[in-house]
Amino acid sequence: MHEIAFSKQSLNQLRKIPTNESKRIRANIAEYAANPKAHAHHVKMLKGRNGFRLRVGKWRVIFDLNGNVLSVLEIGVRGNIYD
């Protein structure tokens, strides 16, 4: 199981997201941290930058794995998160 660390930017983005979506995103992050193989089909390595993305409906979570720590870097809507 990975420890989850949210960046300041990702926490600010979570606060702006509707509550039900925010809870769903947090739950998916926690599930992935607990069992990465169960959500492997929702995670892809990013091209052009370091890290991975987790797909949660129309939302994308950009994160990086540093040993036993899953660092959530950004959270946003599919079209705008990669800019």
Protein backbone atom coordinates (compact mmCIF):
# COMPACT_ATOMS: atom_id res chain seq x y z
CA MET A 1 0.00 0.00 0.00
CA HIS A 2 1.22 3.48 -0.90
CA GLU A 3 1.05 6.52 1.33
CA ILE A 4 -0.84 9.40 -0.36
CA ALA A 5 0.58 12.93 -0.42
CA PHE A 6 -1.42 15.77 -2.02
CA SER A 7 0.33 18.84 -3.38
CA LYS A 8 -1.00 22.26 -2.42
CA GLN A 9 -2.18 22.76 -6.00
CA SER A 10 -4.10 19.47 -6.07
CA LEU A 11 -5.84 20.27 -2.76
CA ASN A 12 -6.92 23.66 -4.12
CA GLN A 13 -8.25 21.97 -7.26
CA LEU A 14 -10.16 19.40 -5.18
CA ARG A 15 -11.87 22.19 -3.23
CA LYS A 16 -13.19 23.71 -6.48
CA ILE A 17 -14.67 20.41 -7.70
CA PRO A 18 -18.27 19.56 -6.68
CA THR A 19 -18.38 17.57 -3.42
CA ASN A 20 -19.73 14.32 -4.90
CA GLU A 21 -17.06 14.31 -7.62
CA SER A 22 -14.35 15.19 -5.11
CA LYS A 23 -15.32 12.24 -2.91
CA ARG A 24 -15.31 9.94 -5.92
CA ILE A 25 -11.84 11.13 -6.96
CA ARG A 26 -10.44 10.71 -3.44
CA ALA A 27 -11.95 7.22 -3.22
CA ASN A 28 -10.36 6.20 -6.51
CA ILE A 29 -6.98 7.55 -5.43
CA ALA A 30 -7.23 5.60 -2.16
CA GLU A 31 -8.28 2.42 -3.98
CA TYR A 32 -5.36 2.72 -6.38
CA ALA A 33 -2.93 3.34 -3.51
CA ALA A 34 -4.23 0.23 -1.73
CA ASN A 35 -4.29 -2.06 -4.77
CA PRO A 36 -2.62 -0.70 -7.94
CA LYS A 37 -3.28 -3.84 -9.99
CA ALA A 38 -7.06 -3.53 -9.57
CA HIS A 39 -7.06 -0.10 -11.27
CA ALA A 40 -4.26 -0.71 -13.75
CA HIS A 41 -6.61 -0.23 -16.74
CA HIS A 42 -7.34 3.37 -15.56
CA VAL A 43 -3.67 4.35 -15.20
CA LYS A 44 -1.22 5.26 -17.95
CA MET A 45 2.30 6.61 -17.97
CA LEU A 46 2.47 10.17 -19.28
CA LYS A 47 4.33 11.03 -22.46
CA GLY A 48 6.43 14.19 -22.56
CA ARG A 49 6.64 14.54 -18.78
CA ASN A 50 7.23 12.38 -15.74
CA GLY A 51 4.37 10.77 -13.91
CA PHE A 52 1.16 8.89 -14.43
CA ARG A 53 -2.48 9.73 -14.91
CA LEU A 54 -5.49 8.11 -13.24
CA ARG A 55 -8.80 8.37 -15.09
CA VAL A 56 -11.89 9.02 -12.95
CA GLY A 57 -14.77 9.69 -15.36
CA LYS A 58 -14.10 13.06 -17.02
CA TRP A 59 -11.49 13.91 -14.36
CA ARG A 60 -7.76 13.16 -14.53
CA VAL A 61 -5.40 12.81 -11.60
CA ILE A 62 -1.74 13.41 -12.40
CA PHE A 63 0.53 11.67 -9.90
CA ASP A 64 4.02 10.35 -9.40
CA LEU A 65 5.31 7.35 -7.46
CA ASN A 66 8.34 7.94 -5.26
CA GLY A 67 9.10 4.69 -3.46
CA ASN A 68 6.15 4.07 -1.17
CA VAL A 69 4.61 7.55 -1.64
CA LEU A 70 1.93 8.33 -4.23
CA SER A 71 2.27 12.10 -4.80
CA VAL A 72 -0.86 13.67 -6.29
CA LEU A 73 0.35 16.62 -8.37
CA GLU A 74 -2.70 17.89 -10.27
CA ILE A 75 -6.42 17.18 -10.67
CA GLY A 76 -8.53 18.53 -13.50
CA VAL A 77 -10.92 17.98 -16.37
CA ARG A 78 -9.72 15.77 -19.21
CA GLY A 79 -9.19 18.48 -21.83
CA ASN A 80 -7.41 21.06 -19.69
CA ILE A 81 -5.17 19.00 -17.42
CA TYR A 82 -2.47 18.30 -20.03
CA ASP A 83 -1.81 21.96 -20.96
